[in-house]
PDB file of N, CA and C in Angstrom:
ATOM      1  N   MET A   1      -2.911   8.871  13.645  1.00  0.00           N
ATOM      2  CA  MET A   1      -3.870   8.187  14.610  1.00  0.00           C
ATOM      3  C   MET A   1      -5.197   8.495  14.207  1.00  0.00           C
ATOM      4  N   LYS A   2      -6.131   7.448  14.192  1.00  0.00           N
ATOM      5  CA  LYS A   2      -7.538   7.527  13.871  1.00  0.00           C
ATOM      6  C   LYS A   2      -8.265   7.758  15.190  1.00  0.00           C
ATOM      7  N   THR A   3      -9.124   8.666  15.281  1.00  0.00           N
ATOM      8  CA  THR A   3      -9.845   8.930  16.514  1.00  0.00           C
ATOM      9  C   THR A   3     -11.237   8.348  16.458  1.00  0.00           C
ATOM     10  N   GLN A   4     -11.836   8.137  17.625  1.00  0.00           N
ATOM     11  CA  GLN A   4     -13.277   7.733  17.676  1.00  0.00           C
ATOM     12  C   GLN A   4     -14.146   8.653  16.820  1.00  0.00           C
ATOM     13  N   ASN A   5     -13.844   9.949  16.873  1.00  0.00           N
ATOM     14  CA  ASN A   5     -14.688  10.826  16.046  1.00  0.00           C
ATOM     15  C   ASN A   5     -14.477  10.520  14.601  1.00  0.00           C
ATOM     16  N   GLN A   6     -13.339  10.260  14.057  1.00  0.00           N
ATOM     17  CA  GLN A   6     -13.153   9.949  12.674  1.00  0.00           C
ATOM     18  C   GLN A   6     -13.923   8.671  12.301  1.00  0.00           C
ATOM     19  N   VAL A   7     -13.815   7.638  13.169  1.00  0.00           N
ATOM     20  CA  VAL A   7     -14.587   6.317  12.957  1.00  0.00           C
ATOM     21  C   VAL A   7     -16.034   6.695  12.880  1.00  0.00           C
ATOM     22  N   ALA A   8     -16.558   7.425  13.852  1.00  0.00           N
ATOM     23  CA  ALA A   8     -17.967   7.751  13.994  1.00  0.00           C
ATOM     24  C   ALA A   8     -18.481   8.557  12.714  1.00  0.00           C
ATOM     25  N   GLN A   9     -17.705   9.614  12.303  1.00  0.00           N
ATOM     26  CA  GLN A   9     -17.997  10.262  11.151  1.00  0.00           C
ATOM     27  C   GLN A   9     -18.103   9.359   9.899  1.00  0.00           C
ATOM     28  N   ALA A  10     -17.026   8.481   9.701  1.00  0.00           N
ATOM     29  CA  ALA A  10     -16.960   7.745   8.512  1.00  0.00           C
ATOM     30  C   ALA A  10     -18.136   6.762   8.516  1.00  0.00           C
ATOM     31  N   ALA A  11     -18.562   6.257   9.752  1.00  0.00           N
ATOM     32  CA  ALA A  11     -19.673   5.216   9.788  1.00  0.00           C
ATOM     33  C   ALA A  11     -21.066   5.940   9.880  1.00  0.00           C
ATOM     34  N   GLY A  12     -21.119   7.242   9.964  1.00  0.00           N
ATOM     35  CA  GLY A  12     -22.394   7.945  10.072  1.00  0.00           C
ATOM     36  C   GLY A  12     -23.142   7.829  11.441  1.00  0.00           C
ATOM     37  N   THR A  13     -22.263   7.886  12.540  1.00  0.00           N
ATOM     38  CA  THR A  13     -22.791   7.987  13.831  1.00  0.00           C
ATOM     39  C   THR A  13     -22.015   9.021  14.563  1.00  0.00           C
ATOM     40  N   THR A  14     -22.114   9.022  15.931  1.00  0.00           N
ATOM     41  CA  THR A  14     -21.438  10.021  16.787  1.00  0.00           C
ATOM     42  C   THR A  14     -20.323   9.343  17.623  1.00  0.00           C
ATOM     43  N   GLN A  15     -19.403  10.303  18.036  1.00  0.00           N
ATOM     44  CA  GLN A  15     -18.323   9.808  18.931  1.00  0.00           C
ATOM     45  C   GLN A  15     -18.850   9.283  20.114  1.00  0.00           C
ATOM     46  N   PRO A  16     -19.883   9.943  20.853  1.00  0.00           N
ATOM     47  CA  PRO A  16     -20.398   9.371  21.992  1.00  0.00           C
ATOM     48  C   PRO A  16     -20.981   7.965  21.918  1.00  0.00           C
ATOM     49  N   TYR A  17     -21.616   7.737  20.837  1.00  0.00           N
ATOM     50  CA  TYR A  17     -22.062   6.368  20.576  1.00  0.00           C
ATOM     51  C   TYR A  17     -21.012   5.394  20.398  1.00  0.00           C
ATOM     52  N   ILE A  18     -20.018   5.762  19.680  1.00  0.00           N
ATOM     53  CA  ILE A  18     -18.869   4.801  19.620  1.00  0.00           C
ATOM     54  C   ILE A  18     -18.113   4.517  20.942  1.00  0.00           C
ATOM     55  N   SER A  19     -18.039   5.671  21.762  1.00  0.00           N
ATOM     56  CA  SER A  19     -17.560   5.467  23.186  1.00  0.00           C
ATOM     57  C   SER A  19     -18.379   4.431  23.963  1.00  0.00           C
ATOM     58  N   ASN A  20     -19.706   4.587  23.796  1.00  0.00           N
ATOM     59  CA  ASN A  20     -20.613   3.758  24.529  1.00  0.00           C
ATOM     60  C   ASN A  20     -20.442   2.157  24.192  1.00  0.00           C
ATOM     61  N   ILE A  21     -20.108   2.055  22.735  1.00  0.00           N
ATOM     62  CA  ILE A  21     -19.992   0.661  22.293  1.00  0.00           C
ATOM     63  C   ILE A  21     -18.677   0.152  22.872  1.00  0.00           C
ATOM     64  N   LEU A  22     -17.621   0.960  22.919  1.00  0.00           N
ATOM     65  CA  LEU A  22     -16.339   0.535  23.365  1.00  0.00           C
ATOM     66  C   LEU A  22     -16.203   0.366  24.875  1.00  0.00           C
ATOM     67  N   ASN A  23     -17.235   0.920  25.553  1.00  0.00           N
ATOM     68  CA  ASN A  23     -17.268   0.725  26.988  1.00  0.00           C
ATOM     69  C   ASN A  23     -18.215  -0.270  27.361  1.00  0.00           C
ATOM     70  N   GLY A  24     -18.997  -0.845  26.471  1.00  0.00           N
ATOM     71  CA  GLY A  24     -19.941  -1.929  26.723  1.00  0.00           C
ATOM     72  C   GLY A  24     -21.254  -1.537  27.079  1.00  0.00           C
ATOM     73  N   ARG A  25     -21.634  -0.262  26.910  1.00  0.00           N
ATOM     74  CA  ARG A  25     -22.945   0.274  27.351  1.00  0.00           C
ATOM     75  C   ARG A  25     -23.901   0.238  26.144  1.00  0.00           C
ATOM     76  N   ARG A  26     -23.507   0.013  25.053  1.00  0.00           N
ATOM     77  CA  ARG A  26     -24.346  -0.055  23.852  1.00  0.00           C
ATOM     78  C   ARG A  26     -23.871  -1.017  22.969  1.00  0.00           C
ATOM     79  N   ARG A  27     -24.912  -1.554  22.059  1.00  0.00           N
ATOM     80  CA  ARG A  27     -24.572  -2.418  20.868  1.00  0.00           C
ATOM     81  C   ARG A  27     -25.295  -1.847  19.710  1.00  0.00           C
ATOM     82  N   PRO A  28     -24.438  -1.872  18.593  1.00  0.00           N
ATOM     83  CA  PRO A  28     -25.048  -1.227  17.374  1.00  0.00           C
ATOM     84  C   PRO A  28     -26.101  -2.098  16.714  1.00  0.00           C
ATOM     85  N   SER A  29     -26.881  -1.474  15.867  1.00  0.00           N
ATOM     86  CA  SER A  29     -27.862  -2.187  15.006  1.00  0.00           C
ATOM     87  C   SER A  29     -27.052  -3.011  14.007  1.00  0.00           C
ATOM     88  N   TRP A  30     -27.643  -3.879  13.332  1.00  0.00           N
ATOM     89  CA  TRP A  30     -27.004  -4.754  12.259  1.00  0.00           C
ATOM     90  C   TRP A  30     -26.522  -3.672  11.210  1.00  0.00           C
ATOM     91  N   LYS A  31     -27.403  -2.801  10.797  1.00  0.00           N
ATOM     92  CA  LYS A  31     -26.960  -1.757   9.857  1.00  0.00           C
ATOM     93  C   LYS A  31     -25.769  -0.961  10.158  1.00  0.00           C
ATOM     94  N   LEU A  32     -25.691  -0.401  11.480  1.00  0.00           N
ATOM     95  CA  LEU A  32     -24.563   0.248  11.881  1.00  0.00           C
ATOM     96  C   LEU A  32     -23.281  -0.630  12.021  1.00  0.00           C
ATOM     97  N   ALA A  33     -23.556  -1.919  12.410  1.00  0.00           N
ATOM     98  CA  ALA A  33     -22.511  -2.872  12.579  1.00  0.00           C
ATOM     99  C   ALA A  33     -21.798  -3.017  11.240  1.00  0.00           C
ATOM    100  N   LYS A  34     -22.527  -3.121  10.175  1.00  0.00           N
ATOM    101  CA  LYS A  34     -22.018  -3.278   8.820  1.00  0.00           C
ATOM    102  C   LYS A  34     -21.196  -2.092   8.438  1.00  0.00           C
ATOM    103  N   ARG A  35     -21.719  -0.944   8.624  1.00  0.00           N
ATOM    104  CA  ARG A  35     -20.958   0.368   8.353  1.00  0.00           C
ATOM    105  C   ARG A  35     -19.721   0.403   9.185  1.00  0.00           C
ATOM    106  N   LEU A  36     -19.743   0.098  10.520  1.00  0.00           N
ATOM    107  CA  LEU A  36     -18.518   0.163  11.275  1.00  0.00           C
ATOM    108  C   LEU A  36     -17.545  -0.832  10.854  1.00  0.00           C
ATOM    109  N   ALA A  37     -17.907  -2.028  10.520  1.00  0.00           N
ATOM    110  CA  ALA A  37     -17.043  -2.996   9.900  1.00  0.00           C
ATOM    111  C   ALA A  37     -16.340  -2.500   8.699  1.00  0.00           C
ATOM    112  N   GLN A  38     -17.235  -1.924   7.902  1.00  0.00           N
ATOM    113  CA  GLN A  38     -16.632  -1.478   6.490  1.00  0.00           C
ATOM    114  C   GLN A  38     -15.440  -0.416   6.743  1.00  0.00           C
ATOM    115  N   VAL A  39     -15.782   0.505   7.628  1.00  0.00           N
ATOM    116  CA  VAL A  39     -14.766   1.668   7.868  1.00  0.00           C
ATOM    117  C   VAL A  39     -13.624   1.228   8.709  1.00  0.00           C
ATOM    118  N   THR A  40     -13.769   0.091   9.466  1.00  0.00           N
ATOM    119  CA  THR A  40     -12.660  -0.219  10.373  1.00  0.00           C
ATOM    120  C   THR A  40     -11.956  -1.557   9.930  1.00  0.00           C
ATOM    121  N   CYS A  41     -12.221  -2.085   8.747  1.00  0.00           N
ATOM    122  CA  CYS A  41     -11.610  -3.318   8.316  1.00  0.00           C
ATOM    123  C   CYS A  41     -11.894  -4.469   9.196  1.00  0.00           C
ATOM    124  N   THR A  42     -13.041  -4.526   9.802  1.00  0.00           N
ATOM    125  CA  THR A  42     -13.404  -5.622  10.709  1.00  0.00           C
ATOM    126  C   THR A  42     -14.562  -6.380  10.230  1.00  0.00           C
ATOM    127  N   GLU A  43     -15.155  -7.268  10.998  1.00  0.00           N
ATOM    128  CA  GLU A  43     -16.380  -8.002  10.568  1.00  0.00           C
ATOM    129  C   GLU A  43     -17.558  -7.432  11.433  1.00  0.00           C
ATOM    130  N   PRO A  44     -18.780  -7.313  10.898  1.00  0.00           N
ATOM    131  CA  PRO A  44     -19.939  -6.900  11.650  1.00  0.00           C
ATOM    132  C   PRO A  44     -20.115  -7.698  12.870  1.00  0.00           C
ATOM    133  N   GLN A  45     -19.973  -8.945  12.873  1.00  0.00           N
ATOM    134  CA  GLN A  45     -20.051  -9.807  14.065  1.00  0.00           C
ATOM    135  C   GLN A  45     -19.306  -9.322  15.246  1.00  0.00           C
ATOM    136  N   LEU A  46     -18.116  -8.725  14.958  1.00  0.00           N
ATOM    137  CA  LEU A  46     -17.278  -8.129  16.084  1.00  0.00           C
ATOM    138  C   LEU A  46     -18.024  -7.125  16.796  1.00  0.00           C
ATOM    139  N   TRP A  47     -18.735  -6.204  16.089  1.00  0.00           N
ATOM    140  CA  TRP A  47     -19.430  -5.031  16.636  1.00  0.00           C
ATOM    141  C   TRP A  47     -20.716  -5.610  17.379  1.00  0.00           C
ATOM    142  N   LEU A  48     -21.263  -6.692  16.865  1.00  0.00           N
ATOM    143  CA  LEU A  48     -22.466  -7.146  17.417  1.00  0.00           C
ATOM    144  C   LEU A  48     -22.292  -8.017  18.639  1.00  0.00           C
ATOM    145  N   ASP A  49     -21.272  -8.921  18.621  1.00  0.00           N
ATOM    146  CA  ASP A  49     -21.048  -9.872  19.712  1.00  0.00           C
ATOM    147  C   ASP A  49     -19.766  -9.743  20.475  1.00  0.00           C
ATOM    148  N   GLY A  50     -18.778  -8.962  20.099  1.00  0.00           N
ATOM    149  CA  GLY A  50     -17.455  -8.925  20.644  1.00  0.00           C
ATOM    150  C   GLY A  50     -17.608  -8.162  21.994  1.00  0.00           C
ATOM    151  N   THR A  51     -16.698  -8.491  22.826  1.00  0.00           N
ATOM    152  CA  THR A  51     -16.522  -7.733  24.037  1.00  0.00           C
ATOM    153  C   THR A  51     -15.919  -6.465  23.869  1.00  0.00           C
ATOM    154  N   PRO A  52     -16.059  -5.507  24.719  1.00  0.00           N
ATOM    155  CA  PRO A  52     -15.331  -4.145  24.590  1.00  0.00           C
ATOM    156  C   PRO A  52     -13.818  -4.365  24.296  1.00  0.00           C
ATOM    157  N   ASP A  53     -13.293  -5.227  25.080  1.00  0.00           N
ATOM    158  CA  ASP A  53     -11.798  -5.556  24.908  1.00  0.00           C
ATOM    159  C   ASP A  53     -11.499  -6.104  23.489  1.00  0.00           C
ATOM    160  N   GLU A  54     -12.281  -7.040  23.079  1.00  0.00           N
ATOM    161  CA  GLU A  54     -12.090  -7.600  21.673  1.00  0.00           C
ATOM    162  C   GLU A  54     -12.154  -6.466  20.586  1.00  0.00           C
ATOM    163  N   ILE A  55     -13.195  -5.641  20.766  1.00  0.00           N
ATOM    164  CA  ILE A  55     -13.427  -4.473  19.873  1.00  0.00           C
ATOM    165  C   ILE A  55     -12.254  -3.583  19.888  1.00  0.00           C
ATOM    166  N   ARG A  56     -11.786  -3.218  20.963  1.00  0.00           N
ATOM    167  CA  ARG A  56     -10.614  -2.218  21.108  1.00  0.00           C
ATOM    168  C   ARG A  56      -9.422  -2.880  20.605  1.00  0.00           C
ATOM    169  N   ALA A  57      -9.106  -4.184  20.842  1.00  0.00           N
ATOM    170  CA  ALA A  57      -7.975  -4.833  20.314  1.00  0.00           C
ATOM    171  C   ALA A  57      -7.986  -4.870  18.767  1.00  0.00           C
ATOM    172  N   ALA A  58      -9.136  -5.106  18.198  1.00  0.00           N
ATOM    173  CA  ALA A  58      -9.234  -5.099  16.743  1.00  0.00           C
ATOM    174  C   ALA A  58      -9.078  -3.684  16.132  1.00  0.00           C
ATOM    175  N   LEU A  59      -9.411  -2.761  16.830  1.00  0.00           N
ATOM    176  CA  LEU A  59      -9.133  -1.306  16.402  1.00  0.00           C
ATOM    177  C   LEU A  59      -7.842  -0.826  16.562  1.00  0.00           C
ATOM    178  N   SER A  60      -6.969  -1.403  17.340  1.00  0.00           N
ATOM    179  CA  SER A  60      -5.677  -0.899  17.757  1.00  0.00           C
ATOM    180  C   SER A  60      -4.798  -0.539  16.458  1.00  0.00           C
ATOM    181  N   ASP A  61      -4.834  -1.471  15.434  1.00  0.00           N
ATOM    182  CA  ASP A  61      -4.150  -1.188  14.152  1.00  0.00           C
ATOM    183  C   ASP A  61      -4.687   0.025  13.532  1.00  0.00           C
ATOM    184  N   LEU A  62      -6.048   0.100  13.447  1.00  0.00           N
ATOM    185  CA  LEU A  62      -6.662   1.299  12.815  1.00  0.00           C
ATOM    186  C   LEU A  62      -6.266   2.542  13.466  1.00  0.00           C
ATOM    187  N   TYR A  63      -6.332   2.631  14.845  1.00  0.00           N
ATOM    188  CA  TYR A  63      -6.024   3.868  15.503  1.00  0.00           C
ATOM    189  C   TYR A  63      -4.576   4.227  15.228  1.00  0.00           C
ATOM    190  N   ARG A  64      -3.663   3.243  14.882  1.00  0.00           N
ATOM    191  CA  ARG A  64      -2.333   3.533  14.633  1.00  0.00           C
ATOM    192  C   ARG A  64      -2.105   3.887  13.206  1.00  0.00           C
ATOM    193  N   GLY A  65      -3.228   3.849  12.313  1.00  0.00           N
ATOM    194  CA  GLY A  65      -3.212   4.187  10.915  1.00  0.00           C
ATOM    195  C   GLY A  65      -2.666   3.117  10.042  1.00  0.00           C
ATOM    196  N   ALA A  66      -2.716   1.851  10.541  1.00  0.00           N
ATOM    197  CA  ALA A  66      -2.238   0.773   9.779  1.00  0.00           C
ATOM    198  C   ALA A  66      -3.252   0.014   8.945  1.00  0.00           C
ATOM    199  N   CYS A  67      -4.531   0.495   8.974  1.00  0.00           N
ATOM    200  CA  CYS A  67      -5.585  -0.277   8.398  1.00  0.00           C
ATOM    201  C   CYS A  67      -6.528   0.842   7.772  1.00  0.00           C
ATOM    202  N   CYS A  68      -6.957   0.351   6.468  1.00  0.00           N
ATOM    203  CA  CYS A  68      -8.022   1.301   5.816  1.00  0.00           C
ATOM    204  C   CYS A  68      -7.764   2.774   5.788  1.00  0.00           C
ATOM    205  N   PRO A  69      -6.581   3.317   5.539  1.00  0.00           N
ATOM    206  CA  PRO A  69      -6.400   4.774   5.558  1.00  0.00           C
ATOM    207  C   PRO A  69      -7.258   5.436   4.547  1.00  0.00           C
ATOM    208  N   GLU A  70      -7.544   4.743   3.518  1.00  0.00           N
ATOM    209  CA  GLU A  70      -8.473   5.421   2.389  1.00  0.00           C
ATOM    210  C   GLU A  70      -9.830   5.595   2.866  1.00  0.00           C
ATOM    211  N   LYS A  71     -10.296   5.047   3.832  1.00  0.00           N
ATOM    212  CA  LYS A  71     -11.639   5.231   4.337  1.00  0.00           C
ATOM    213  C   LYS A  71     -11.696   6.572   5.045  1.00  0.00           C
ATOM    214  N   PHE A  72     -10.589   7.122   5.566  1.00  0.00           N
ATOM    215  CA  PHE A  72     -10.550   8.415   6.286  1.00  0.00           C
ATOM    216  C   PHE A  72     -10.076   9.453   5.253  1.00  0.00           C
ATOM    217  N   GLU A  73      -9.204   9.196   4.325  1.00  0.00           N
ATOM    218  CA  GLU A  73      -8.730  10.191   3.367  1.00  0.00           C
ATOM    219  C   GLU A  73      -9.790  10.711   2.481  1.00  0.00           C
ATOM    220  N   THR A  74     -10.696   9.750   2.081  1.00  0.00           N
ATOM    221  CA  THR A  74     -11.822  10.153   1.175  1.00  0.00           C
ATOM    222  C   THR A  74     -13.011  10.584   1.957  1.00  0.00           C
ATOM    223  N   GLY A  75     -13.010  10.572   3.228  1.00  0.00           N
ATOM    224  CA  GLY A  75     -14.162  10.861   3.946  1.00  0.00           C
ATOM    225  C   GLY A  75     -15.195   9.851   4.069  1.00  0.00           C
ATOM    226  N   ALA A  76     -14.890   8.670   3.540  1.00  0.00           N
ATOM    227  CA  ALA A  76     -15.691   7.395   3.553  1.00  0.00           C
ATOM    228  C   ALA A  76     -17.117   7.677   3.024  1.00  0.00           C
ATOM    229  N   LYS A  77     -17.062   8.385   1.909  1.00  0.00           N
ATOM    230  CA  LYS A  77     -18.452   8.633   1.221  1.00  0.00           C
ATOM    231  C   LYS A  77     -19.006   7.409   0.746  1.00  0.00           C
ATOM    232  N   ARG A  78     -20.219   7.061   1.044  1.00  0.00           N
ATOM    233  CA  ARG A  78     -20.786   5.863   0.656  1.00  0.00           C
ATOM    234  C   ARG A  78     -21.641   6.054  -0.539  1.00  0.00           C
ATOM    235  N   THR A  79     -21.657   5.075  -1.410  1.00  0.00           N
ATOM    236  CA  THR A  79     -22.556   5.161  -2.586  1.00  0.00           C
ATOM    237  C   THR A  79     -23.704   4.230  -2.386  1.00  0.00           C
ATOM    238  N   PRO A  80     -24.788   4.413  -3.086  1.00  0.00           N
ATOM    239  CA  PRO A  80     -25.992   3.490  -2.824  1.00  0.00           C
ATOM    240  C   PRO A  80     -25.446   2.017  -3.060  1.00  0.00           C
ATOM    241  N   GLY A  81     -26.128   1.109  -2.122  1.00  0.00           N
ATOM    242  CA  GLY A  81     -25.862  -0.173  -2.173  1.00  0.00           C
ATOM    243  C   GLY A  81     -24.719  -0.679  -1.277  1.00  0.00           C
ATOM    244  N   GLN A  82     -24.159   0.219  -0.577  1.00  0.00           N
ATOM    245  CA  GLN A  82     -22.959  -0.076   0.337  1.00  0.00           C
ATOM    246  C   GLN A  82     -23.355  -0.271   1.765  1.00  0.00           C
ATOM    247  N   GLY A  83     -24.610  -0.686   1.958  1.00  0.00           N
ATOM    248  CA  GLY A  83     -25.140  -1.080   3.345  1.00  0.00           C
ATOM    249  C   GLY A  83     -25.435   0.238   4.122  1.00  0.00           C
ATOM    250  N   GLY A  84     -25.735   1.313   3.527  1.00  0.00           N
ATOM    251  CA  GLY A  84     -25.979   2.601   4.239  1.00  0.00           C
ATOM    252  C   GLY A  84     -27.367   2.721   4.613  1.00  0.00           C
TER     253      GLY A  84
END
């Protein structure tokens, strides 16, 4: 199971910020939305315009380990030019 903390670390943010997004209290910047999309196998638009329920539904496979496992196994190290 992938945790909010793992997603946050892989995207370069914090677990409380991810929690605020998932609870509808915050919206990420375009830059962060791109990183979140990259590490969660989703689209940036989901993070920018999706409802909390839509975002949670899209992440359900990720949290079960069915999507992008390599993003977490490698620590999601970004290289220059990857939207960081």
